[in-house]
Amino acid sequence: VDFDLILEKVKDLNVLAGEGISHIEHTPGGARLRQPEPLPLTLYQNGIVMFNGPFRPYEDPSTQQCLQDIMDGYFPSELQMRYPDGI
C-alpha cells in the first residue's frame, strides 16, 4: 500500500470538497458560519478505520473498493448514502 499516494489523493479530495471553506447555516435567530465535519480515516500497516468504526483489513473487498475510489479521485461510493452532498 502506497501511503504517500493515498494521503496525496485524500488531500486532493479535501481541496475539491472545499476544505477550509465555511458555509452559511441558518438558525432561528439568524445565521452562522459552519465548516463541514471531518471524516476520520486512520491508515494502518494492515488496514483502515473510518469514523470510529471497525478495523477493516486491506484484503477486505469493501476496503479495496473504498481505497480505489479515493485513488481514482472520487468520493468513496460507500459514503454516498450517508453523505449525499459529500463531506
Protein backbone atom coordinates (compact mmCIF):
# COMPACT_ATOMS: atom_id res chain seq x y z
CA VAL A 1 0.00 0.00 0.00
CA ASP A 2 1.43 3.36 -1.05
CA PHE A 3 0.53 5.53 1.94
CA ASP A 4 2.06 8.67 0.45
CA LEU A 5 -0.11 8.35 -2.65
CA ILE A 6 -3.24 7.71 -0.59
CA LEU A 7 -2.54 10.79 1.54
CA GLU A 8 -1.94 12.87 -1.60
CA LYS A 9 -5.26 11.72 -3.08
CA VAL A 10 -7.11 12.43 0.19
CA LYS A 11 -5.63 15.95 0.24
CA ASP A 12 -6.76 16.47 -3.38
CA LEU A 13 -10.29 15.33 -2.49
CA ASN A 14 -10.32 17.64 0.54
CA VAL A 15 -9.46 20.60 -1.69
CA LEU A 16 -12.21 19.64 -4.14
CA ALA A 17 -14.67 19.32 -1.26
CA GLY A 18 -13.89 22.85 -0.11
CA GLU A 19 -11.59 22.23 2.83
CA GLY A 20 -11.38 25.33 4.99
CA ILE A 21 -14.41 26.95 3.35
CA SER A 22 -17.27 27.84 5.66
CA HIS A 23 -20.92 27.53 4.74
CA ILE A 24 -23.85 29.55 5.96
CA GLU A 25 -26.10 27.68 8.36
CA HIS A 26 -29.46 29.33 9.00
CA THR A 27 -30.55 29.40 12.63
CA PRO A 28 -33.84 30.52 14.24
CA GLY A 29 -32.31 33.90 15.14
CA GLY A 30 -30.18 34.44 12.04
CA ALA A 31 -27.26 32.54 10.62
CA ARG A 32 -23.73 31.39 11.41
CA LEU A 33 -20.71 30.15 9.53
CA ARG A 34 -20.05 26.44 9.77
CA GLN A 35 -17.27 24.27 8.43
CA PRO A 36 -18.08 20.72 7.31
CA GLU A 37 -17.36 17.98 9.83
CA PRO A 38 -14.22 15.99 9.01
CA LEU A 39 -14.43 12.28 8.34
CA PRO A 40 -11.76 10.48 10.39
CA LEU A 41 -9.73 7.97 8.37
CA THR A 42 -6.87 6.14 10.05
CA LEU A 43 -4.41 4.15 7.93
CA TYR A 44 -2.59 1.20 9.46
CA GLN A 45 0.01 -1.11 8.02
CA ASN A 46 -2.61 -3.83 7.53
CA GLY A 47 -5.91 -1.95 7.21
CA ILE A 48 -8.02 1.15 7.88
CA VAL A 49 -10.52 2.52 10.37
CA MET A 50 -13.10 5.03 9.17
CA PHE A 51 -15.04 7.09 11.72
CA ASN A 52 -14.76 5.11 14.94
CA GLY A 53 -15.89 2.02 13.10
CA PRO A 54 -14.42 -1.44 13.00
CA PHE A 55 -10.94 -2.22 11.73
CA ARG A 56 -11.06 -3.11 8.03
CA PRO A 57 -8.16 -5.13 6.60
CA TYR A 58 -6.83 -4.21 3.16
CA GLU A 59 -7.80 -7.66 1.90
CA ASP A 60 -11.50 -6.91 2.51
CA PRO A 61 -13.22 -6.17 -0.84
CA SER A 62 -15.11 -3.19 0.61
CA THR A 63 -11.84 -1.67 1.86
CA GLN A 64 -10.25 -2.20 -1.54
CA GLN A 65 -13.22 -0.50 -3.24
CA CYS A 66 -13.08 2.44 -0.81
CA LEU A 67 -9.37 2.97 -1.43
CA GLN A 68 -9.80 2.52 -5.18
CA ASP A 69 -12.46 5.24 -5.20
CA ILE A 70 -10.05 7.56 -3.36
CA MET A 71 -7.17 6.66 -5.69
CA ASP A 72 -9.39 7.38 -8.70
CA GLY A 73 -10.22 10.81 -7.27
CA TYR A 74 -13.79 10.01 -6.25
CA PHE A 75 -15.74 10.35 -3.04
CA PRO A 76 -15.96 6.76 -1.68
CA SER A 77 -19.15 5.21 -3.03
CA GLU A 78 -19.89 3.54 0.31
CA LEU A 79 -20.40 7.00 1.86
CA GLN A 80 -22.78 8.37 -0.75
CA MET A 81 -25.93 7.19 1.03
CA ARG A 82 -24.77 8.70 4.34
CA TYR A 83 -23.49 11.93 2.75
CA PRO A 84 -25.43 12.54 -0.49
CA ASP A 85 -23.92 16.03 -0.81
CA GLY A 86 -20.38 14.86 0.00
CA ILE A 87 -18.32 15.70 3.04
